N, C-alpha and C. Protein backbone atom coordinates (compact mmCIF):
# COMPACT_ATOMS: atom_id res chain seq x y z
N MET A 1 0.84 -1.18 0.00
CA MET A 1 0.00 0.00 0.00
C MET A 1 0.89 1.25 0.00
N ILE A 2 0.65 2.12 -0.95
CA ILE A 2 1.44 3.34 -1.06
C ILE A 2 0.87 4.38 -0.11
N MET A 3 1.75 5.00 0.65
CA MET A 3 1.34 6.05 1.58
C MET A 3 1.31 7.37 0.84
N GLU A 4 0.15 7.99 0.81
CA GLU A 4 -0.01 9.25 0.08
C GLU A 4 0.52 10.42 0.90
N PHE A 5 1.24 11.28 0.24
CA PHE A 5 1.75 12.50 0.86
C PHE A 5 0.59 13.46 1.07
N LYS A 6 0.41 13.91 2.30
CA LYS A 6 -0.72 14.76 2.63
C LYS A 6 -0.34 16.25 2.72
N GLY A 7 0.92 16.53 2.45
CA GLY A 7 1.39 17.91 2.52
C GLY A 7 1.14 18.66 1.21
N THR A 8 1.75 19.80 1.09
CA THR A 8 1.62 20.63 -0.09
C THR A 8 2.16 19.90 -1.31
N LYS A 9 1.35 19.80 -2.35
CA LYS A 9 1.73 19.09 -3.56
C LYS A 9 2.73 19.91 -4.38
N GLY A 10 3.41 19.24 -5.27
CA GLY A 10 4.36 19.89 -6.16
C GLY A 10 5.78 19.79 -5.64
N GLU A 11 6.70 20.24 -6.46
CA GLU A 11 8.11 20.24 -6.08
C GLU A 11 8.34 21.36 -5.07
N TRP A 12 9.15 21.07 -4.07
CA TRP A 12 9.49 22.09 -3.07
C TRP A 12 10.86 22.65 -3.41
N ASN A 13 11.02 23.95 -3.22
CA ASN A 13 12.27 24.63 -3.53
C ASN A 13 12.79 25.36 -2.31
N ASN A 14 14.08 25.43 -2.20
CA ASN A 14 14.76 26.10 -1.09
C ASN A 14 15.52 27.29 -1.67
N LYS A 15 15.16 28.47 -1.23
CA LYS A 15 15.85 29.67 -1.71
C LYS A 15 16.16 30.58 -0.53
N ALA A 16 17.27 31.26 -0.63
CA ALA A 16 17.61 32.23 0.42
C ALA A 16 16.61 33.38 0.32
N PHE A 17 15.90 33.64 1.40
CA PHE A 17 14.94 34.73 1.46
C PHE A 17 15.68 36.04 1.68
N ASN A 18 16.62 35.99 2.60
CA ASN A 18 17.54 37.10 2.86
C ASN A 18 18.76 36.49 3.55
N ASP A 19 19.60 37.30 4.15
CA ASP A 19 20.81 36.78 4.79
C ASP A 19 20.50 35.92 6.02
N SER A 20 19.31 36.04 6.57
CA SER A 20 18.98 35.36 7.82
C SER A 20 18.07 34.14 7.67
N VAL A 21 17.37 34.04 6.54
CA VAL A 21 16.30 33.04 6.43
C VAL A 21 16.31 32.36 5.06
N PHE A 22 16.07 31.05 5.06
CA PHE A 22 15.81 30.30 3.84
C PHE A 22 14.31 30.10 3.74
N ASP A 23 13.77 30.29 2.56
CA ASP A 23 12.34 30.18 2.30
C ASP A 23 12.10 28.90 1.51
N ILE A 24 11.23 28.03 2.02
CA ILE A 24 10.89 26.80 1.33
C ILE A 24 9.49 26.98 0.78
N ARG A 25 9.36 26.86 -0.56
CA ARG A 25 8.08 27.06 -1.24
C ARG A 25 7.83 25.93 -2.24
N SER A 26 6.55 25.71 -2.51
CA SER A 26 6.20 24.75 -3.55
C SER A 26 6.39 25.42 -4.90
N ASP A 27 6.43 24.61 -5.96
CA ASP A 27 6.57 25.19 -7.29
C ASP A 27 5.35 26.03 -7.67
N GLY A 28 4.25 25.88 -6.94
CA GLY A 28 3.07 26.71 -7.14
C GLY A 28 3.12 28.00 -6.35
N GLY A 29 4.21 28.20 -5.58
CA GLY A 29 4.40 29.43 -4.83
C GLY A 29 3.90 29.40 -3.40
N GLU A 30 3.30 28.28 -2.98
CA GLU A 30 2.79 28.21 -1.61
C GLU A 30 3.95 28.09 -0.61
N ASN A 31 3.88 28.86 0.44
CA ASN A 31 4.92 28.83 1.46
C ASN A 31 4.84 27.55 2.27
N ILE A 32 5.97 26.86 2.38
CA ILE A 32 6.06 25.65 3.20
C ILE A 32 6.59 26.03 4.58
N GLY A 33 7.60 26.87 4.60
CA GLY A 33 8.16 27.29 5.88
C GLY A 33 9.46 28.05 5.70
N TYR A 34 9.97 28.50 6.82
CA TYR A 34 11.22 29.25 6.85
C TYR A 34 12.21 28.52 7.74
N ILE A 35 13.46 28.55 7.36
CA ILE A 35 14.54 27.99 8.16
C ILE A 35 15.55 29.11 8.39
N TYR A 36 15.90 29.32 9.64
CA TYR A 36 16.88 30.36 9.94
C TYR A 36 18.26 29.95 9.45
N ASN A 37 19.00 30.91 8.95
CA ASN A 37 20.33 30.67 8.41
C ASN A 37 21.34 30.58 9.54
N THR A 38 21.26 29.46 10.25
CA THR A 38 22.23 29.16 11.29
C THR A 38 23.36 28.34 10.67
N LYS A 39 24.21 27.80 11.49
CA LYS A 39 25.33 26.98 11.01
C LYS A 39 24.85 25.88 10.06
N ASN A 40 23.74 25.23 10.38
CA ASN A 40 23.23 24.12 9.58
C ASN A 40 21.96 24.48 8.81
N GLY A 41 21.60 25.75 8.78
CA GLY A 41 20.33 26.16 8.18
C GLY A 41 20.17 25.76 6.73
N ASN A 42 21.18 25.98 5.92
CA ASN A 42 21.08 25.65 4.50
C ASN A 42 20.93 24.14 4.30
N ALA A 43 21.71 23.36 5.03
CA ALA A 43 21.61 21.90 4.93
C ALA A 43 20.23 21.41 5.37
N ASN A 44 19.70 21.98 6.45
CA ASN A 44 18.37 21.59 6.93
C ASN A 44 17.31 21.96 5.89
N ALA A 45 17.42 23.13 5.30
CA ALA A 45 16.44 23.58 4.30
C ALA A 45 16.46 22.67 3.07
N LYS A 46 17.65 22.27 2.63
CA LYS A 46 17.75 21.37 1.47
C LYS A 46 17.08 20.04 1.76
N LEU A 47 17.33 19.51 2.95
CA LEU A 47 16.74 18.22 3.31
C LEU A 47 15.22 18.31 3.37
N ILE A 48 14.70 19.36 3.99
CA ILE A 48 13.25 19.53 4.08
C ILE A 48 12.64 19.69 2.70
N ALA A 49 13.29 20.45 1.83
CA ALA A 49 12.77 20.67 0.48
C ALA A 49 12.70 19.37 -0.32
N CYS A 50 13.50 18.38 0.03
CA CYS A 50 13.51 17.10 -0.68
C CYS A 50 12.53 16.08 -0.10
N ALA A 51 11.86 16.41 0.99
CA ALA A 51 11.00 15.45 1.68
C ALA A 51 9.95 14.80 0.78
N PRO A 52 9.21 15.55 -0.03
CA PRO A 52 8.20 14.88 -0.88
C PRO A 52 8.82 13.89 -1.86
N GLU A 53 9.96 14.24 -2.44
CA GLU A 53 10.63 13.34 -3.38
C GLU A 53 11.15 12.10 -2.67
N MET A 54 11.63 12.27 -1.44
CA MET A 54 12.12 11.12 -0.68
C MET A 54 10.98 10.15 -0.37
N LEU A 55 9.83 10.69 0.02
CA LEU A 55 8.68 9.82 0.30
C LEU A 55 8.26 9.08 -0.96
N GLU A 56 8.24 9.77 -2.08
CA GLU A 56 7.88 9.14 -3.35
C GLU A 56 8.84 8.00 -3.68
N MET A 57 10.14 8.23 -3.49
CA MET A 57 11.13 7.20 -3.77
C MET A 57 10.96 6.01 -2.81
N LEU A 58 10.74 6.28 -1.54
CA LEU A 58 10.54 5.19 -0.59
C LEU A 58 9.30 4.38 -0.94
N ASN A 59 8.24 5.04 -1.38
CA ASN A 59 7.04 4.31 -1.80
C ASN A 59 7.33 3.40 -2.98
N LYS A 60 8.13 3.87 -3.93
CA LYS A 60 8.48 3.05 -5.10
C LYS A 60 9.29 1.83 -4.67
N VAL A 61 10.25 2.03 -3.79
CA VAL A 61 11.08 0.91 -3.31
C VAL A 61 10.23 -0.07 -2.51
N LYS A 62 9.37 0.45 -1.65
CA LYS A 62 8.48 -0.42 -0.86
C LYS A 62 7.59 -1.23 -1.77
N ASP A 63 7.03 -0.59 -2.81
CA ASP A 63 6.16 -1.28 -3.75
C ASP A 63 6.91 -2.42 -4.44
N LEU A 64 8.14 -2.17 -4.82
CA LEU A 64 8.95 -3.19 -5.47
C LEU A 64 9.16 -4.38 -4.55
N PHE A 65 9.47 -4.13 -3.28
CA PHE A 65 9.69 -5.22 -2.33
C PHE A 65 8.39 -5.94 -1.98
N THR A 66 7.29 -5.21 -1.95
CA THR A 66 6.00 -5.81 -1.62
C THR A 66 5.57 -6.80 -2.69
N LYS A 67 5.92 -6.52 -3.93
CA LYS A 67 5.57 -7.42 -5.03
C LYS A 67 6.38 -8.71 -4.96
N ARG A 68 7.44 -8.70 -4.18
CA ARG A 68 8.29 -9.88 -3.97
C ARG A 68 8.79 -10.47 -5.29
N GLN A 69 9.11 -9.59 -6.18
CA GLN A 69 9.70 -10.06 -7.43
C GLN A 69 11.06 -9.40 -7.59
N MET A 70 11.92 -10.11 -8.22
CA MET A 70 13.26 -9.61 -8.42
C MET A 70 13.22 -8.51 -9.48
N PRO A 71 13.71 -7.31 -9.14
CA PRO A 71 13.72 -6.24 -10.15
C PRO A 71 14.71 -6.57 -11.26
N SER A 72 14.43 -6.04 -12.43
CA SER A 72 15.34 -6.24 -13.55
C SER A 72 16.61 -5.42 -13.31
N GLU A 73 17.63 -5.74 -14.05
CA GLU A 73 18.88 -4.98 -13.92
C GLU A 73 18.64 -3.52 -14.28
N HIS A 74 17.80 -3.28 -15.26
CA HIS A 74 17.47 -1.90 -15.66
C HIS A 74 16.78 -1.16 -14.50
N GLU A 75 15.82 -1.82 -13.84
CA GLU A 75 15.13 -1.19 -12.70
C GLU A 75 16.11 -0.88 -11.57
N ILE A 76 16.99 -1.82 -11.29
CA ILE A 76 17.98 -1.60 -10.23
C ILE A 76 18.86 -0.41 -10.58
N ASN A 77 19.31 -0.33 -11.83
CA ASN A 77 20.14 0.80 -12.25
C ASN A 77 19.39 2.11 -12.16
N MET A 78 18.12 2.12 -12.57
CA MET A 78 17.32 3.35 -12.50
C MET A 78 17.12 3.79 -11.05
N PHE A 79 16.79 2.85 -10.17
CA PHE A 79 16.63 3.19 -8.75
C PHE A 79 17.93 3.74 -8.19
N SER A 80 19.03 3.10 -8.53
CA SER A 80 20.33 3.53 -8.03
C SER A 80 20.64 4.95 -8.47
N VAL A 81 20.41 5.24 -9.74
CA VAL A 81 20.66 6.59 -10.27
C VAL A 81 19.73 7.60 -9.61
N ASN A 82 18.44 7.28 -9.53
CA ASN A 82 17.47 8.20 -8.94
C ASN A 82 17.74 8.45 -7.47
N ILE A 83 18.08 7.41 -6.75
CA ILE A 83 18.39 7.57 -5.33
C ILE A 83 19.66 8.40 -5.15
N SER A 84 20.67 8.12 -5.97
CA SER A 84 21.92 8.90 -5.89
C SER A 84 21.67 10.38 -6.18
N GLU A 85 20.85 10.66 -7.19
CA GLU A 85 20.53 12.05 -7.53
C GLU A 85 19.77 12.74 -6.39
N LEU A 86 18.85 12.02 -5.76
CA LEU A 86 18.08 12.58 -4.65
C LEU A 86 18.98 12.85 -3.45
N ILE A 87 19.88 11.94 -3.16
CA ILE A 87 20.82 12.13 -2.06
C ILE A 87 21.70 13.35 -2.34
N GLU A 88 22.18 13.46 -3.57
CA GLU A 88 23.01 14.62 -3.95
C GLU A 88 22.23 15.92 -3.78
N LYS A 89 20.99 15.93 -4.22
CA LYS A 89 20.15 17.13 -4.10
C LYS A 89 19.94 17.53 -2.65
N ALA A 90 19.76 16.54 -1.79
CA ALA A 90 19.49 16.80 -0.38
C ALA A 90 20.74 17.18 0.42
N THR A 91 21.91 16.84 -0.10
CA THR A 91 23.12 17.03 0.70
C THR A 91 24.16 17.95 0.08
N SER A 92 23.97 18.37 -1.15
CA SER A 92 25.00 19.20 -1.79
C SER A 92 24.96 20.64 -1.32
């Protein structure tokens, strides 16, 4: 069973609002929240902005395991690339 994301739909973006605050917004412009620009503020904002994509990826992986079938080599490679890209986006 896929767990549906109940938060704001769309891609979330992290942008510096000013020198003190990062603004997290959906691609539709809806405000998700603000993160203060502390020592770890930018890293925290990036991780939060990736939350919907992370949930989507976890649902895909869970679905694959629930089917109890061996993924093809192509599927494994695609998951590996997508997961690596998501990790890079959340941590770069």
